[in-house]
Amino acid sequence: MEKIHKVHFACGELYLFSDLPRMRDPESCLWGVYDRTDSGRIYLEHMACDLTRIGHWLPLPSKYRYARRASRDELRDFFYLLGCDDTLAQAAR
């Protein structure tokens, strides 16, 4: 069962996840848009580990035990990347 303490997740919000209690540099975190928790497992609508590729509708990998809500600047950067990813996917069709 996945446990991330002291975080109240809100659907559609962007969070940064880490495997260490102290959040490292944001580039080393997993970035994800919270979708739901099902059977104790956190599912993300969108996620990116290296801010270059985005995965969709995936469970949070179990190694990530710590989270915080993204800052406004991080939110802007992630959703810019998401828009670029969507544009490239549509162009490839």
C-alpha atoms as a PDB file:
ATOM      1  CA  MET A   1       0.000   0.000   0.000  1.00  0.00           C
ATOM      2  CA  GLU A   2       1.311   3.382  -0.975  1.00  0.00           C
ATOM      3  CA  LYS A   3       1.613   5.973   1.794  1.00  0.00           C
ATOM      4  CA  ILE A   4       2.542   9.602   1.425  1.00  0.00           C
ATOM      5  CA  HIS A   5       2.128  11.386   4.709  1.00  0.00           C
ATOM      6  CA  LYS A   6       0.945  14.924   5.343  1.00  0.00           C
ATOM      7  CA  VAL A   7      -0.269  15.525   1.797  1.00  0.00           C
ATOM      8  CA  HIS A   8      -3.919  16.059   0.976  1.00  0.00           C
ATOM      9  CA  PHE A   9      -4.129  15.370  -2.762  1.00  0.00           C
ATOM     10  CA  ALA A  10      -6.570  17.276  -4.935  1.00  0.00           C
ATOM     11  CA  CYS A  11      -7.685  15.914  -8.294  1.00  0.00           C
ATOM     12  CA  GLY A  12      -6.088  17.793 -11.194  1.00  0.00           C
ATOM     13  CA  GLU A  13      -3.324  19.367  -9.102  1.00  0.00           C
ATOM     14  CA  LEU A  14       0.370  19.009  -9.959  1.00  0.00           C
ATOM     15  CA  TYR A  15       2.684  17.444  -7.367  1.00  0.00           C
ATOM     16  CA  LEU A  16       6.384  16.682  -7.224  1.00  0.00           C
ATOM     17  CA  PHE A  17       7.297  13.265  -5.832  1.00  0.00           C
ATOM     18  CA  SER A  18      10.614  12.140  -4.383  1.00  0.00           C
ATOM     19  CA  ASP A  19      12.115   9.030  -2.824  1.00  0.00           C
ATOM     20  CA  LEU A  20      13.860  11.141  -0.160  1.00  0.00           C
ATOM     21  CA  PRO A  21      12.251  13.058   2.719  1.00  0.00           C
ATOM     22  CA  ARG A  22      13.909  16.292   1.645  1.00  0.00           C
ATOM     23  CA  MET A  23      12.873  17.284  -1.834  1.00  0.00           C
ATOM     24  CA  ARG A  24      15.884  17.442  -4.070  1.00  0.00           C
ATOM     25  CA  ASP A  25      16.265  19.594  -7.122  1.00  0.00           C
ATOM     26  CA  PRO A  26      12.918  19.609  -8.993  1.00  0.00           C
ATOM     27  CA  GLU A  27      14.622  18.130 -12.071  1.00  0.00           C
ATOM     28  CA  SER A  28      15.332  14.954 -10.080  1.00  0.00           C
ATOM     29  CA  CYS A  29      11.708  14.538  -8.965  1.00  0.00           C
ATOM     30  CA  LEU A  30       8.805  12.833 -10.658  1.00  0.00           C
ATOM     31  CA  TRP A  31       6.175  15.408 -11.634  1.00  0.00           C
ATOM     32  CA  GLY A  32       2.565  14.248 -11.751  1.00  0.00           C
ATOM     33  CA  VAL A  33      -1.017  15.431 -11.985  1.00  0.00           C
ATOM     34  CA  TYR A  34      -3.037  13.603  -9.337  1.00  0.00           C
ATOM     35  CA  ASP A  35      -6.066  11.692 -10.599  1.00  0.00           C
ATOM     36  CA  ARG A  36      -7.195   9.336  -7.826  1.00  0.00           C
ATOM     37  CA  THR A  37      -6.244   6.834  -5.157  1.00  0.00           C
ATOM     38  CA  ASP A  38      -7.589   3.348  -5.758  1.00  0.00           C
ATOM     39  CA  SER A  39      -6.976   0.422  -3.389  1.00  0.00           C
ATOM     40  CA  GLY A  40      -4.248   2.434  -1.671  1.00  0.00           C
ATOM     41  CA  ARG A  41      -2.426   3.196  -4.917  1.00  0.00           C
ATOM     42  CA  ILE A  42      -1.992   6.706  -6.323  1.00  0.00           C
ATOM     43  CA  TYR A  43      -2.798   7.177 -10.009  1.00  0.00           C
ATOM     44  CA  LEU A  44      -1.583  10.118 -12.063  1.00  0.00           C
ATOM     45  CA  GLU A  45      -3.299  11.577 -15.101  1.00  0.00           C
ATOM     46  CA  HIS A  46       0.039  12.808 -16.477  1.00  0.00           C
ATOM     47  CA  MET A  47       3.574  12.252 -15.199  1.00  0.00           C
ATOM     48  CA  ALA A  48       7.122  13.082 -16.210  1.00  0.00           C
ATOM     49  CA  CYS A  49      10.384  11.965 -14.647  1.00  0.00           C
ATOM     50  CA  ASP A  50      12.810  14.070 -16.648  1.00  0.00           C
ATOM     51  CA  LEU A  51      10.556  16.819 -18.006  1.00  0.00           C
ATOM     52  CA  THR A  52      11.072  15.585 -21.550  1.00  0.00           C
ATOM     53  CA  ARG A  53       8.577  12.728 -21.921  1.00  0.00           C
ATOM     54  CA  ILE A  54       5.105  12.535 -20.460  1.00  0.00           C
ATOM     55  CA  GLY A  55       3.255   9.339 -19.519  1.00  0.00           C
ATOM     56  CA  HIS A  56      -0.520   9.272 -19.202  1.00  0.00           C
ATOM     57  CA  TRP A  57      -2.888   7.435 -16.834  1.00  0.00           C
ATOM     58  CA  LEU A  58      -0.201   5.612 -14.842  1.00  0.00           C
ATOM     59  CA  PRO A  59       0.200   4.530 -11.210  1.00  0.00           C
ATOM     60  CA  LEU A  60       2.823   6.327  -9.138  1.00  0.00           C
ATOM     61  CA  PRO A  61       5.925   4.080  -8.906  1.00  0.00           C
ATOM     62  CA  SER A  62       6.228   2.658  -5.393  1.00  0.00           C
ATOM     63  CA  LYS A  63       9.678   4.147  -4.688  1.00  0.00           C
ATOM     64  CA  TYR A  64       8.203   7.662  -4.392  1.00  0.00           C
ATOM     65  CA  ARG A  65       7.174   8.185  -0.755  1.00  0.00           C
ATOM     66  CA  TYR A  66       7.266  11.971  -0.386  1.00  0.00           C
ATOM     67  CA  ALA A  67       5.346  14.697  -2.180  1.00  0.00           C
ATOM     68  CA  ARG A  68       4.652  18.389  -2.254  1.00  0.00           C
ATOM     69  CA  ARG A  69       2.368  20.564  -4.312  1.00  0.00           C
ATOM     70  CA  ALA A  70       4.101  22.251  -7.251  1.00  0.00           C
ATOM     71  CA  SER A  71       4.955  25.946  -7.168  1.00  0.00           C
ATOM     72  CA  ARG A  72       3.371  28.310  -9.692  1.00  0.00           C
ATOM     73  CA  ASP A  73       6.575  28.329 -11.771  1.00  0.00           C
ATOM     74  CA  GLU A  74       6.705  24.515 -11.761  1.00  0.00           C
ATOM     75  CA  LEU A  75       3.040  24.404 -12.739  1.00  0.00           C
ATOM     76  CA  ARG A  76       3.713  26.706 -15.698  1.00  0.00           C
ATOM     77  CA  ASP A  77       6.724  24.645 -16.841  1.00  0.00           C
ATOM     78  CA  PHE A  78       4.885  21.324 -16.618  1.00  0.00           C
ATOM     79  CA  PHE A  79       1.783  22.440 -18.473  1.00  0.00           C
ATOM     80  CA  TYR A  80       3.923  24.067 -21.177  1.00  0.00           C
ATOM     81  CA  LEU A  81       5.639  20.683 -21.615  1.00  0.00           C
ATOM     82  CA  LEU A  82       2.260  18.939 -21.634  1.00  0.00           C
ATOM     83  CA  GLY A  83       1.048  21.263 -24.409  1.00  0.00           C
ATOM     84  CA  CYS A  84       4.201  20.619 -26.461  1.00  0.00           C
ATOM     85  CA  ASP A  85       3.846  16.862 -25.938  1.00  0.00           C
ATOM     86  CA  ASP A  86       0.223  16.963 -27.086  1.00  0.00           C
ATOM     87  CA  THR A  87       1.119  19.024 -30.167  1.00  0.00           C
ATOM     88  CA  LEU A  88       3.870  16.574 -31.152  1.00  0.00           C
ATOM     89  CA  ALA A  89       1.548  13.598 -30.647  1.00  0.00           C
ATOM     90  CA  GLN A  90      -1.113  15.146 -32.880  1.00  0.00           C
ATOM     91  CA  ALA A  91       1.458  15.992 -35.564  1.00  0.00           C
ATOM     92  CA  ALA A  92       2.661  12.372 -35.570  1.00  0.00           C
ATOM     93  CA  ARG A  93      -0.858  11.053 -36.300  1.00  0.00           C
END
